[in-house]
Amino acid sequence: MNATTLAVLSQFLENAFKSSNDSDSLLMTIRVFTQEVEDYFKCAVLDRVVIVSDEKEMVDRAMCLMDYQQYFSGIYFVDLDANATHFPPVVQYKIRHPPHFVDGM
C-alpha cells in the first residue's frame, strides 16, 4: 500500500466511525437512510393480493371487506387444476367488483 491509499483508508475509517451524534458518520448515514426507507414502506400496503381456495370464499371475504371499503376487485379462475404445472390454452375467469363500481341500468 502506498501513502495515498493509506491516507484515503485512514480518512474513511475516521469518518465512518465518528461519534453517533455526528451526522457525517457512516452509521448515522445508514440510520437516516433506513429510517427513510421505513417511512416509505409505511405508505405501501403489501397485503392487497390474497389467494383463496374457491369462489365462495372470495365472495365471503369480499362482503366483509366491502363493509370497511377495502375491497376493490376479485378474479376467480374457473376450472383450473390445482395440481397442474401449466396453464391450459384457454383460461376462463370471472371478475367480481363491488356493486358501486358497476354502472347501473
PDB file of N, CA and C in Angstrom:
ATOM      1  N   MET A   1       0.853  -1.183   0.000  1.00  0.00           N
ATOM      2  CA  MET A   1       0.000   0.000   0.000  1.00  0.00           C
ATOM      3  C   MET A   1       0.893   1.238   0.000  1.00  0.00           C
ATOM      4  N   ASN A   2       0.506   2.182  -0.798  1.00  0.00           N
ATOM      5  CA  ASN A   2       1.284   3.422  -0.813  1.00  0.00           C
ATOM      6  C   ASN A   2       0.680   4.421   0.167  1.00  0.00           C
ATOM      7  N   ALA A   3       1.319   5.535   0.309  1.00  0.00           N
ATOM      8  CA  ALA A   3       0.906   6.546   1.295  1.00  0.00           C
ATOM      9  C   ALA A   3      -0.461   7.127   0.978  1.00  0.00           C
ATOM     10  N   THR A   4      -0.777   7.288  -0.305  1.00  0.00           N
ATOM     11  CA  THR A   4      -2.078   7.850  -0.694  1.00  0.00           C
ATOM     12  C   THR A   4      -3.208   6.907  -0.312  1.00  0.00           C
ATOM     13  N   THR A   5      -3.016   5.623  -0.573  1.00  0.00           N
ATOM     14  CA  THR A   5      -4.041   4.630  -0.230  1.00  0.00           C
ATOM     15  C   THR A   5      -4.253   4.586   1.274  1.00  0.00           C
ATOM     16  N   LEU A   6      -3.172   4.601   2.023  1.00  0.00           N
ATOM     17  CA  LEU A   6      -3.293   4.594   3.482  1.00  0.00           C
ATOM     18  C   LEU A   6      -3.981   5.850   3.996  1.00  0.00           C
ATOM     19  N   ALA A   7      -3.696   6.982   3.389  1.00  0.00           N
ATOM     20  CA  ALA A   7      -4.337   8.234   3.812  1.00  0.00           C
ATOM     21  C   ALA A   7      -5.837   8.197   3.529  1.00  0.00           C
ATOM     22  N   VAL A   8      -6.206   7.687   2.346  1.00  0.00           N
ATOM     23  CA  VAL A   8      -7.631   7.588   1.995  1.00  0.00           C
ATOM     24  C   VAL A   8      -8.333   6.616   2.934  1.00  0.00           C
ATOM     25  N   LEU A   9      -7.713   5.466   3.180  1.00  0.00           N
ATOM     26  CA  LEU A   9      -8.295   4.475   4.082  1.00  0.00           C
ATOM     27  C   LEU A   9      -8.417   5.026   5.496  1.00  0.00           C
ATOM     28  N   SER A  10      -7.410   5.712   5.953  1.00  0.00           N
ATOM     29  CA  SER A  10      -7.438   6.316   7.282  1.00  0.00           C
ATOM     30  C   SER A  10      -8.553   7.353   7.390  1.00  0.00           C
ATOM     31  N   GLN A  11      -8.687   8.189   6.362  1.00  0.00           N
ATOM     32  CA  GLN A  11      -9.744   9.216   6.347  1.00  0.00           C
ATOM     33  C   GLN A  11     -11.126   8.564   6.363  1.00  0.00           C
ATOM     34  N   PHE A  12     -11.293   7.483   5.554  1.00  0.00           N
ATOM     35  CA  PHE A  12     -12.576   6.781   5.515  1.00  0.00           C
ATOM     36  C   PHE A  12     -12.927   6.207   6.885  1.00  0.00           C
ATOM     37  N   LEU A  13     -11.989   5.511   7.487  1.00  0.00           N
ATOM     38  CA  LEU A  13     -12.255   4.901   8.791  1.00  0.00           C
ATOM     39  C   LEU A  13     -12.523   5.949   9.859  1.00  0.00           C
ATOM     40  N   GLU A  14     -11.824   7.055   9.784  1.00  0.00           N
ATOM     41  CA  GLU A  14     -12.041   8.130  10.750  1.00  0.00           C
ATOM     42  C   GLU A  14     -13.448   8.699  10.612  1.00  0.00           C
ATOM     43  N   ASN A  15     -13.903   8.915   9.380  1.00  0.00           N
ATOM     44  CA  ASN A  15     -15.237   9.473   9.148  1.00  0.00           C
ATOM     45  C   ASN A  15     -16.343   8.444   9.377  1.00  0.00           C
ATOM     46  N   ALA A  16     -16.059   7.190   9.031  1.00  0.00           N
ATOM     47  CA  ALA A  16     -17.090   6.160   9.130  1.00  0.00           C
ATOM     48  C   ALA A  16     -17.483   5.878  10.573  1.00  0.00           C
ATOM     49  N   PHE A  17     -16.531   5.945  11.459  1.00  0.00           N
ATOM     50  CA  PHE A  17     -16.808   5.553  12.837  1.00  0.00           C
ATOM     51  C   PHE A  17     -16.699   6.725  13.802  1.00  0.00           C
ATOM     52  N   LYS A  18     -17.206   7.859  13.360  1.00  0.00           N
ATOM     53  CA  LYS A  18     -17.274   9.025  14.241  1.00  0.00           C
ATOM     54  C   LYS A  18     -18.317   8.769  15.315  1.00  0.00           C
ATOM     55  N   SER A  19     -18.478   9.713  16.189  1.00  0.00           N
ATOM     56  CA  SER A  19     -19.476   9.620  17.251  1.00  0.00           C
ATOM     57  C   SER A  19     -20.863   9.441  16.637  1.00  0.00           C
ATOM     58  N   SER A  20     -21.719   8.746  17.336  1.00  0.00           N
ATOM     59  CA  SER A  20     -23.075   8.532  16.822  1.00  0.00           C
ATOM     60  C   SER A  20     -23.878   9.826  16.767  1.00  0.00           C
ATOM     61  N   ASN A  21     -23.393  10.875  17.396  1.00  0.00           N
ATOM     62  CA  ASN A  21     -24.060  12.178  17.324  1.00  0.00           C
ATOM     63  C   ASN A  21     -23.662  12.967  16.081  1.00  0.00           C
ATOM     64  N   ASP A  22     -22.622  12.521  15.386  1.00  0.00           N
ATOM     65  CA  ASP A  22     -22.120  13.227  14.202  1.00  0.00           C
ATOM     66  C   ASP A  22     -22.899  12.760  12.974  1.00  0.00           C
ATOM     67  N   SER A  23     -23.572  13.688  12.309  1.00  0.00           N
ATOM     68  CA  SER A  23     -24.415  13.319  11.171  1.00  0.00           C
ATOM     69  C   SER A  23     -23.611  12.875   9.956  1.00  0.00           C
ATOM     70  N   ASP A  24     -22.305  13.103   9.937  1.00  0.00           N
ATOM     71  CA  ASP A  24     -21.466  12.686   8.812  1.00  0.00           C
ATOM     72  C   ASP A  24     -20.923  11.269   8.969  1.00  0.00           C
ATOM     73  N   SER A  25     -21.160  10.631  10.096  1.00  0.00           N
ATOM     74  CA  SER A  25     -20.619   9.288  10.289  1.00  0.00           C
ATOM     75  C   SER A  25     -21.377   8.292   9.416  1.00  0.00           C
ATOM     76  N   LEU A  26     -20.697   7.231   9.062  1.00  0.00           N
ATOM     77  CA  LEU A  26     -21.293   6.204   8.210  1.00  0.00           C
ATOM     78  C   LEU A  26     -22.518   5.581   8.873  1.00  0.00           C
ATOM     79  N   LEU A  27     -22.422   5.288  10.138  1.00  0.00           N
ATOM     80  CA  LEU A  27     -23.542   4.653  10.830  1.00  0.00           C
ATOM     81  C   LEU A  27     -24.763   5.573  10.899  1.00  0.00           C
ATOM     82  N   MET A  28     -24.550   6.859  11.085  1.00  0.00           N
ATOM     83  CA  MET A  28     -25.684   7.798  11.091  1.00  0.00           C
ATOM     84  C   MET A  28     -26.287   7.921   9.696  1.00  0.00           C
ATOM     85  N   THR A  29     -25.442   7.911   8.671  1.00  0.00           N
ATOM     86  CA  THR A  29     -25.944   7.962   7.300  1.00  0.00           C
ATOM     87  C   THR A  29     -26.799   6.736   7.004  1.00  0.00           C
ATOM     88  N   ILE A  30     -26.332   5.571   7.419  1.00  0.00           N
ATOM     89  CA  ILE A  30     -27.108   4.341   7.227  1.00  0.00           C
ATOM     90  C   ILE A  30     -28.404   4.409   8.018  1.00  0.00           C
ATOM     91  N   ARG A  31     -28.351   4.918   9.226  1.00  0.00           N
ATOM     92  CA  ARG A  31     -29.556   5.020  10.058  1.00  0.00           C
ATOM     93  C   ARG A  31     -30.594   5.933   9.412  1.00  0.00           C
ATOM     94  N   VAL A  32     -30.154   7.091   8.928  1.00  0.00           N
ATOM     95  CA  VAL A  32     -31.082   8.029   8.285  1.00  0.00           C
ATOM     96  C   VAL A  32     -31.683   7.389   7.042  1.00  0.00           C
ATOM     97  N   PHE A  33     -30.854   6.709   6.253  1.00  0.00           N
ATOM     98  CA  PHE A  33     -31.339   6.055   5.039  1.00  0.00           C
ATOM     99  C   PHE A  33     -32.379   4.987   5.370  1.00  0.00           C
ATOM    100  N   THR A  34     -32.098   4.134   6.354  1.00  0.00           N
ATOM    101  CA  THR A  34     -33.048   3.075   6.687  1.00  0.00           C
ATOM    102  C   THR A  34     -34.340   3.638   7.273  1.00  0.00           C
ATOM    103  N   GLN A  35     -34.271   4.736   7.996  1.00  0.00           N
ATOM    104  CA  GLN A  35     -35.496   5.361   8.509  1.00  0.00           C
ATOM    105  C   GLN A  35     -36.347   5.909   7.368  1.00  0.00           C
ATOM    106  N   GLU A  36     -35.698   6.484   6.353  1.00  0.00           N
ATOM    107  CA  GLU A  36     -36.449   6.983   5.206  1.00  0.00           C
ATOM    108  C   GLU A  36     -37.101   5.841   4.440  1.00  0.00           C
ATOM    109  N   VAL A  37     -36.378   4.740   4.265  1.00  0.00           N
ATOM    110  CA  VAL A  37     -36.948   3.570   3.592  1.00  0.00           C
ATOM    111  C   VAL A  37     -38.135   3.041   4.391  1.00  0.00           C
ATOM    112  N   GLU A  38     -37.990   2.975   5.699  1.00  0.00           N
ATOM    113  CA  GLU A  38     -39.085   2.516   6.556  1.00  0.00           C
ATOM    114  C   GLU A  38     -40.306   3.427   6.426  1.00  0.00           C
ATOM    115  N   ASP A  39     -40.091   4.730   6.364  1.00  0.00           N
ATOM    116  CA  ASP A  39     -41.202   5.670   6.202  1.00  0.00           C
ATOM    117  C   ASP A  39     -41.924   5.458   4.878  1.00  0.00           C
ATOM    118  N   TYR A  40     -41.187   5.170   3.815  1.00  0.00           N
ATOM    119  CA  TYR A  40     -41.822   4.910   2.521  1.00  0.00           C
ATOM    120  C   TYR A  40     -42.615   3.611   2.551  1.00  0.00           C
ATOM    121  N   PHE A  41     -42.084   2.585   3.220  1.00  0.00           N
ATOM    122  CA  PHE A  41     -42.797   1.315   3.281  1.00  0.00           C
ATOM    123  C   PHE A  41     -44.089   1.416   4.084  1.00  0.00           C
ATOM    124  N   LYS A  42     -44.195   2.376   4.968  1.00  0.00           N
ATOM    125  CA  LYS A  42     -45.447   2.569   5.705  1.00  0.00           C
ATOM    126  C   LYS A  42     -46.570   2.984   4.764  1.00  0.00           C
ATOM    127  N   CYS A  43     -46.206   3.601   3.636  1.00  0.00           N
ATOM    128  CA  CYS A  43     -47.203   4.045   2.659  1.00  0.00           C
ATOM    129  C   CYS A  43     -47.652   2.909   1.747  1.00  0.00           C
ATOM    130  N   ALA A  44     -46.876   1.860   1.663  1.00  0.00           N
ATOM    131  CA  ALA A  44     -47.202   0.755   0.770  1.00  0.00           C
ATOM    132  C   ALA A  44     -47.910  -0.340   1.558  1.00  0.00           C
ATOM    133  N   VAL A  45     -49.033  -0.757   1.040  1.00  0.00           N
ATOM    134  CA  VAL A  45     -49.769  -1.850   1.659  1.00  0.00           C
ATOM    135  C   VAL A  45     -49.500  -3.090   0.814  1.00  0.00           C
ATOM    136  N   LEU A  46     -48.881  -4.078   1.407  1.00  0.00           N
ATOM    137  CA  LEU A  46     -48.438  -5.232   0.651  1.00  0.00           C
ATOM    138  C   LEU A  46     -49.383  -6.424   0.743  1.00  0.00           C
ATOM    139  N   ASP A  47     -50.500  -6.273   1.427  1.00  0.00           N
ATOM    140  CA  ASP A  47     -51.406  -7.410   1.589  1.00  0.00           C
ATOM    141  C   ASP A  47     -52.651  -7.279   0.720  1.00  0.00           C
ATOM    142  N   ARG A  48     -52.553  -6.645  -0.425  1.00  0.00           N
ATOM    143  CA  ARG A  48     -53.718  -6.415  -1.275  1.00  0.00           C
ATOM    144  C   ARG A  48     -54.049  -7.591  -2.173  1.00  0.00           C
ATOM    145  N   VAL A  49     -53.129  -8.515  -2.351  1.00  0.00           N
ATOM    146  CA  VAL A  49     -53.398  -9.699  -3.152  1.00  0.00           C
ATOM    147  C   VAL A  49     -53.522 -10.870  -2.188  1.00  0.00           C
ATOM    148  N   VAL A  50     -54.699 -11.484  -2.197  1.00  0.00           N
ATOM    149  CA  VAL A  50     -54.963 -12.599  -1.294  1.00  0.00           C
ATOM    150  C   VAL A  50     -55.435 -13.777  -2.130  1.00  0.00           C
ATOM    151  N   ILE A  51     -54.856 -14.934  -1.913  1.00  0.00           N
ATOM    152  CA  ILE A  51     -55.253 -16.134  -2.641  1.00  0.00           C
ATOM    153  C   ILE A  51     -56.249 -16.898  -1.781  1.00  0.00           C
ATOM    154  N   VAL A  52     -57.369 -17.272  -2.393  1.00  0.00           N
ATOM    155  CA  VAL A  52     -58.405 -18.029  -1.697  1.00  0.00           C
ATOM    156  C   VAL A  52     -58.632 -19.340  -2.436  1.00  0.00           C
ATOM    157  N   SER A  53     -59.300 -20.277  -1.781  1.00  0.00           N
ATOM    158  CA  SER A  53     -59.432 -21.617  -2.353  1.00  0.00           C
ATOM    159  C   SER A  53     -60.558 -21.748  -3.370  1.00  0.00           C
ATOM    160  N   ASP A  54     -61.612 -20.949  -3.235  1.00  0.00           N
ATOM    161  CA  ASP A  54     -62.713 -21.069  -4.195  1.00  0.00           C
ATOM    162  C   ASP A  54     -63.492 -19.757  -4.288  1.00  0.00           C
ATOM    163  N   GLU A  55     -64.461 -19.750  -5.197  1.00  0.00           N
ATOM    164  CA  GLU A  55     -65.229 -18.530  -5.454  1.00  0.00           C
ATOM    165  C   GLU A  55     -66.054 -18.115  -4.240  1.00  0.00           C
ATOM    166  N   LYS A  56     -66.605 -19.083  -3.524  1.00  0.00           N
ATOM    167  CA  LYS A  56     -67.421 -18.752  -2.354  1.00  0.00           C
ATOM    168  C   LYS A  56     -66.582 -18.033  -1.296  1.00  0.00           C
ATOM    169  N   GLU A  57     -65.375 -18.514  -1.062  1.00  0.00           N
ATOM    170  CA  GLU A  57     -64.505 -17.857  -0.080  1.00  0.00           C
ATOM    171  C   GLU A  57     -64.162 -16.436  -0.527  1.00  0.00           C
ATOM    172  N   MET A  58     -63.963 -16.253  -1.836  1.00  0.00           N
ATOM    173  CA  MET A  58     -63.666 -14.914  -2.347  1.00  0.00           C
ATOM    174  C   MET A  58     -64.848 -13.979  -2.110  1.00  0.00           C
ATOM    175  N   VAL A  59     -66.058 -14.457  -2.392  1.00  0.00           N
ATOM    176  CA  VAL A  59     -67.253 -13.630  -2.202  1.00  0.00           C
ATOM    177  C   VAL A  59     -67.450 -13.316  -0.721  1.00  0.00           C
ATOM    178  N   ASP A  60     -67.279 -14.312   0.142  1.00  0.00           N
ATOM    179  CA  ASP A  60     -67.434 -14.084   1.585  1.00  0.00           C
ATOM    180  C   ASP A  60     -66.428 -13.051   2.097  1.00  0.00           C
ATOM    181  N   ARG A  61     -65.196 -13.176   1.667  1.00  0.00           N
ATOM    182  CA  ARG A  61     -64.172 -12.231   2.101  1.00  0.00           C
ATOM    183  C   ARG A  61     -64.446 -10.841   1.530  1.00  0.00           C
ATOM    184  N   ALA A  62     -64.930 -10.794   0.295  1.00  0.00           N
ATOM    185  CA  ALA A  62     -65.250  -9.509  -0.336  1.00  0.00           C
ATOM    186  C   ALA A  62     -66.384  -8.810   0.408  1.00  0.00           C
ATOM    187  N   MET A  63     -67.390  -9.555   0.821  1.00  0.00           N
ATOM    188  CA  MET A  63     -68.515  -8.959   1.550  1.00  0.00           C
ATOM    189  C   MET A  63     -68.027  -8.326   2.854  1.00  0.00           C
ATOM    190  N   CYS A  64     -67.121  -9.001   3.527  1.00  0.00           N
ATOM    191  CA  CYS A  64     -66.570  -8.455   4.771  1.00  0.00           C
ATOM    192  C   CYS A  64     -65.734  -7.208   4.492  1.00  0.00           C
ATOM    193  N   LEU A  65     -64.873  -7.260   3.481  1.00  0.00           N
ATOM    194  CA  LEU A  65     -64.002  -6.125   3.171  1.00  0.00           C
ATOM    195  C   LEU A  65     -64.784  -4.922   2.665  1.00  0.00           C
ATOM    196  N   MET A  66     -65.919  -5.158   1.985  1.00  0.00           N
ATOM    197  CA  MET A  66     -66.726  -4.039   1.481  1.00  0.00           C
ATOM    198  C   MET A  66     -67.293  -3.210   2.623  1.00  0.00           C
ATOM    199  N   ASP A  67     -67.551  -3.840   3.762  1.00  0.00           N
ATOM    200  CA  ASP A  67     -68.053  -3.095   4.921  1.00  0.00           C
ATOM    201  C   ASP A  67     -67.059  -2.028   5.372  1.00  0.00           C
ATOM    202  N   TYR A  68     -65.780  -2.256   5.108  1.00  0.00           N
ATOM    203  CA  TYR A  68     -64.725  -1.322   5.514  1.00  0.00           C
ATOM    204  C   TYR A  68     -64.114  -0.583   4.324  1.00  0.00           C
ATOM    205  N   GLN A  69     -64.764  -0.683   3.170  1.00  0.00           N
ATOM    206  CA  GLN A  69     -64.302  -0.051   1.923  1.00  0.00           C
ATOM    207  C   GLN A  69     -62.866  -0.447   1.605  1.00  0.00           C
ATOM    208  N   GLN A  70     -62.565  -1.734   1.761  1.00  0.00           N
ATOM    209  CA  GLN A  70     -61.218  -2.233   1.498  1.00  0.00           C
ATOM    210  C   GLN A  70     -61.189  -3.269   0.380  1.00  0.00           C
ATOM    211  N   TYR A  71     -62.288  -3.439  -0.329  1.00  0.00           N
ATOM    212  CA  TYR A  71     -62.337  -4.414  -1.420  1.00  0.00           C
ATOM    213  C   TYR A  71     -62.436  -3.676  -2.735  1.00  0.00           C
ATOM    214  N   PHE A  72     -61.542  -4.009  -3.670  1.00  0.00           N
ATOM    215  CA  PHE A  72     -61.564  -3.349  -4.970  1.00  0.00           C
ATOM    216  C   PHE A  72     -62.112  -4.283  -6.037  1.00  0.00           C
ATOM    217  N   SER A  73     -61.519  -5.419  -6.234  1.00  0.00           N
ATOM    218  CA  SER A  73     -61.969  -6.396  -7.225  1.00  0.00           C
ATOM    219  C   SER A  73     -61.386  -7.755  -6.886  1.00  0.00           C
ATOM    220  N   GLY A  74     -62.049  -8.777  -7.386  1.00  0.00           N
ATOM    221  CA  GLY A  74     -61.547 -10.131  -7.231  1.00  0.00           C
ATOM    222  C   GLY A  74     -61.566 -10.834  -8.568  1.00  0.00           C
ATOM    223  N   ILE A  75     -60.612 -11.708  -8.778  1.00  0.00           N
ATOM    224  CA  ILE A  75     -60.561 -12.502 -10.005  1.00  0.00           C
ATOM    225  C   ILE A  75     -60.618 -13.964  -9.600  1.00  0.00           C
ATOM    226  N   TYR A  76     -61.559 -14.674 -10.206  1.00  0.00           N
ATOM    227  CA  TYR A  76     -61.710 -16.101  -9.941  1.00  0.00           C
ATOM    228  C   TYR A  76     -61.443 -16.843 -11.241  1.00  0.00           C
ATOM    229  N   PHE A  77     -60.520 -17.798 -11.210  1.00  0.00           N
ATOM    230  CA  PHE A  77     -60.204 -18.597 -12.388  1.00  0.00           C
ATOM    231  C   PHE A  77     -61.051 -19.860 -12.354  1.00  0.00           C
ATOM    232  N   VAL A  78     -61.805 -20.086 -13.419  1.00  0.00           N
ATOM    233  CA  VAL A  78     -62.773 -21.179 -13.495  1.00  0.00           C
ATOM    234  C   VAL A  78     -62.074 -22.464 -13.945  1.00  0.00           C
ATOM    235  N   ASP A  79     -62.340 -23.544 -13.239  1.00  0.00           N
ATOM    236  CA  ASP A  79     -61.901 -24.896 -13.615  1.00  0.00           C
ATOM    237  C   ASP A  79     -60.399 -25.028 -13.858  1.00  0.00           C
ATOM    238  N   LEU A  80     -59.591 -24.461 -13.007  1.00  0.00           N
ATOM    239  CA  LEU A  80     -58.147 -24.690 -13.087  1.00  0.00           C
ATOM    240  C   LEU A  80     -57.788 -25.847 -12.167  1.00  0.00           C
ATOM    241  N   ASP A  81     -56.936 -26.733 -12.659  1.00  0.00           N
ATOM    242  CA  ASP A  81     -56.478 -27.859 -11.860  1.00  0.00           C
ATOM    243  C   ASP A  81     -55.385 -27.380 -10.906  1.00  0.00           C
ATOM    244  N   ALA A  82     -55.597 -27.577  -9.618  1.00  0.00           N
ATOM    245  CA  ALA A  82     -54.639 -27.099  -8.614  1.00  0.00           C
ATOM    246  C   ALA A  82     -53.296 -27.813  -8.719  1.00  0.00           C
ATOM    247  N   ASN A  83     -53.277 -29.016  -9.296  1.00  0.00           N
ATOM    248  CA  ASN A  83     -52.031 -29.781  -9.401  1.00  0.00           C
ATOM    249  C   ASN A  83     -51.345 -29.623 -10.751  1.00  0.00           C
ATOM    250  N   ALA A  84     -51.924 -28.856 -11.650  1.00  0.00           N
ATOM    251  CA  ALA A  84     -51.341 -28.687 -12.982  1.00  0.00           C
ATOM    252  C   ALA A  84     -50.045 -27.883 -12.901  1.00  0.00           C
ATOM    253  N   THR A  85     -49.139 -28.175 -13.819  1.00  0.00           N
ATOM    254  CA  THR A  85     -47.878 -27.438 -13.865  1.00  0.00           C
ATOM    255  C   THR A  85     -47.878 -26.379 -14.957  1.00  0.00           C
ATOM    256  N   HIS A  86     -48.888 -26.401 -15.841  1.00  0.00           N
ATOM    257  CA  HIS A  86     -49.001 -25.420 -16.920  1.00  0.00           C
ATOM    258  C   HIS A  86     -50.442 -24.938 -17.000  1.00  0.00           C
ATOM    259  N   PHE A  87     -50.624 -23.736 -17.507  1.00  0.00           N
ATOM    260  CA  PHE A  87     -51.968 -23.232 -17.745  1.00  0.00           C
ATOM    261  C   PHE A  87     -52.531 -23.870 -19.008  1.00  0.00           C
ATOM    262  N   PRO A  88     -53.854 -24.086 -19.050  1.00  0.00           N
ATOM    263  CA  PRO A  88     -54.459 -24.580 -20.288  1.00  0.00           C
ATOM    264  C   PRO A  88     -54.404 -23.497 -21.367  1.00  0.00           C
ATOM    265  N   PRO A  89     -54.635 -23.866 -22.638  1.00  0.00           N
ATOM    266  CA  PRO A  89     -54.567 -22.871 -23.712  1.00  0.00           C
ATOM    267  C   PRO A  89     -55.581 -21.739 -23.546  1.00  0.00           C
ATOM    268  N   VAL A  90     -56.731 -22.050 -22.978  1.00  0.00           N
ATOM    269  CA  VAL A  90     -57.762 -21.035 -22.738  1.00  0.00           C
ATOM    270  C   VAL A  90     -58.087 -21.039 -21.251  1.00  0.00           C
ATOM    271  N   VAL A  91     -57.989 -19.879 -20.628  1.00  0.00           N
ATOM    272  CA  VAL A  91     -58.279 -19.752 -19.202  1.00  0.00           C
ATOM    273  C   VAL A  91     -59.522 -18.894 -19.045  1.00  0.00           C
ATOM    274  N   GLN A  92     -60.545 -19.465 -18.400  1.00  0.00           N
ATOM    275  CA  GLN A  92     -61.763 -18.704 -18.133  1.00  0.00           C
ATOM    276  C   GLN A  92     -61.654 -18.099 -16.740  1.00  0.00           C
ATOM    277  N   TYR A  93     -62.192 -16.897 -16.601  1.00  0.00           N
ATOM    278  CA  TYR A  93     -62.128 -16.228 -15.312  1.00  0.00           C
ATOM    279  C   TYR A  93     -63.354 -15.346 -15.120  1.00  0.00           C
ATOM    280  N   LYS A  94     -63.602 -15.013 -13.869  1.00  0.00           N
ATOM    281  CA  LYS A  94     -64.684 -14.095 -13.501  1.00  0.00           C
ATOM    282  C   LYS A  94     -64.065 -12.959 -12.699  1.00  0.00           C
ATOM    283  N   ILE A  95     -64.493 -11.751 -12.987  1.00  0.00           N
ATOM    284  CA  ILE A  95     -64.035 -10.593 -12.231  1.00  0.00           C
ATOM    285  C   ILE A  95     -65.204 -10.114 -11.389  1.00  0.00           C
ATOM    286  N   ARG A  96     -64.985  -9.989 -10.107  1.00  0.00           N
ATOM    287  CA  ARG A  96     -66.034  -9.548  -9.180  1.00  0.00           C
ATOM    288  C   ARG A  96     -65.682  -8.173  -8.637  1.00  0.00           C
ATOM    289  N   HIS A  97     -66.522  -7.188  -8.964  1.00  0.00           N
ATOM    290  CA  HIS A  97     -66.349  -5.823  -8.465  1.00  0.00           C
ATOM    291  C   HIS A  97     -67.409  -5.534  -7.405  1.00  0.00           C
ATOM    292  N   PRO A  98     -67.160  -4.592  -6.527  1.00  0.00           N
ATOM    293  CA  PRO A  98     -68.222  -4.134  -5.626  1.00  0.00           C
ATOM    294  C   PRO A  98     -69.347  -3.503  -6.452  1.00  0.00           C
ATOM    295  N   PRO A  99     -70.579  -3.581  -5.981  1.00  0.00           N
ATOM    296  CA  PRO A  99     -71.715  -3.056  -6.752  1.00  0.00           C
ATOM    297  C   PRO A  99     -71.579  -1.584  -7.129  1.00  0.00           C
ATOM    298  N   HIS A 100     -70.962  -0.767  -6.301  1.00  0.00           N
ATOM    299  CA  HIS A 100     -70.875   0.657  -6.618  1.00  0.00           C
ATOM    300  C   HIS A 100     -69.859   0.945  -7.724  1.00  0.00           C
ATOM    301  N   PHE A 101     -69.080  -0.065  -8.168  1.00  0.00           N
ATOM    302  CA  PHE A 101     -68.162   0.123  -9.294  1.00  0.00           C
ATOM    303  C   PHE A 101     -68.816  -0.212 -10.632  1.00  0.00           C
ATOM    304  N   VAL A 102     -69.979  -0.838 -10.593  1.00  0.00           N
ATOM    305  CA  VAL A 102     -70.638  -1.295 -11.817  1.00  0.00           C
ATOM    306  C   VAL A 102     -71.717  -0.293 -12.196  1.00  0.00           C
ATOM    307  N   ASP A 103     -71.747   0.081 -13.485  1.00  0.00           N
ATOM    308  CA  ASP A 103     -72.772   1.011 -13.958  1.00  0.00           C
ATOM    309  C   ASP A 103     -74.152   0.391 -13.823  1.00  0.00           C
ATOM    310  N   GLY A 104     -75.107   1.193 -13.359  1.00  0.00           N
ATOM    311  CA  GLY A 104     -76.479   0.720 -13.235  1.00  0.00           C
ATOM    312  C   GLY A 104     -77.204   0.780 -14.565  1.00  0.00           C
ATOM    313  N   MET A 105     -78.347   0.117 -14.620  1.00  0.00           N
ATOM    314  CA  MET A 105     -79.126   0.126 -15.861  1.00  0.00           C
ATOM    315  C   MET A 105     -80.212   1.142 -15.791  1.00  0.00           C
TER     316      MET A 105
END
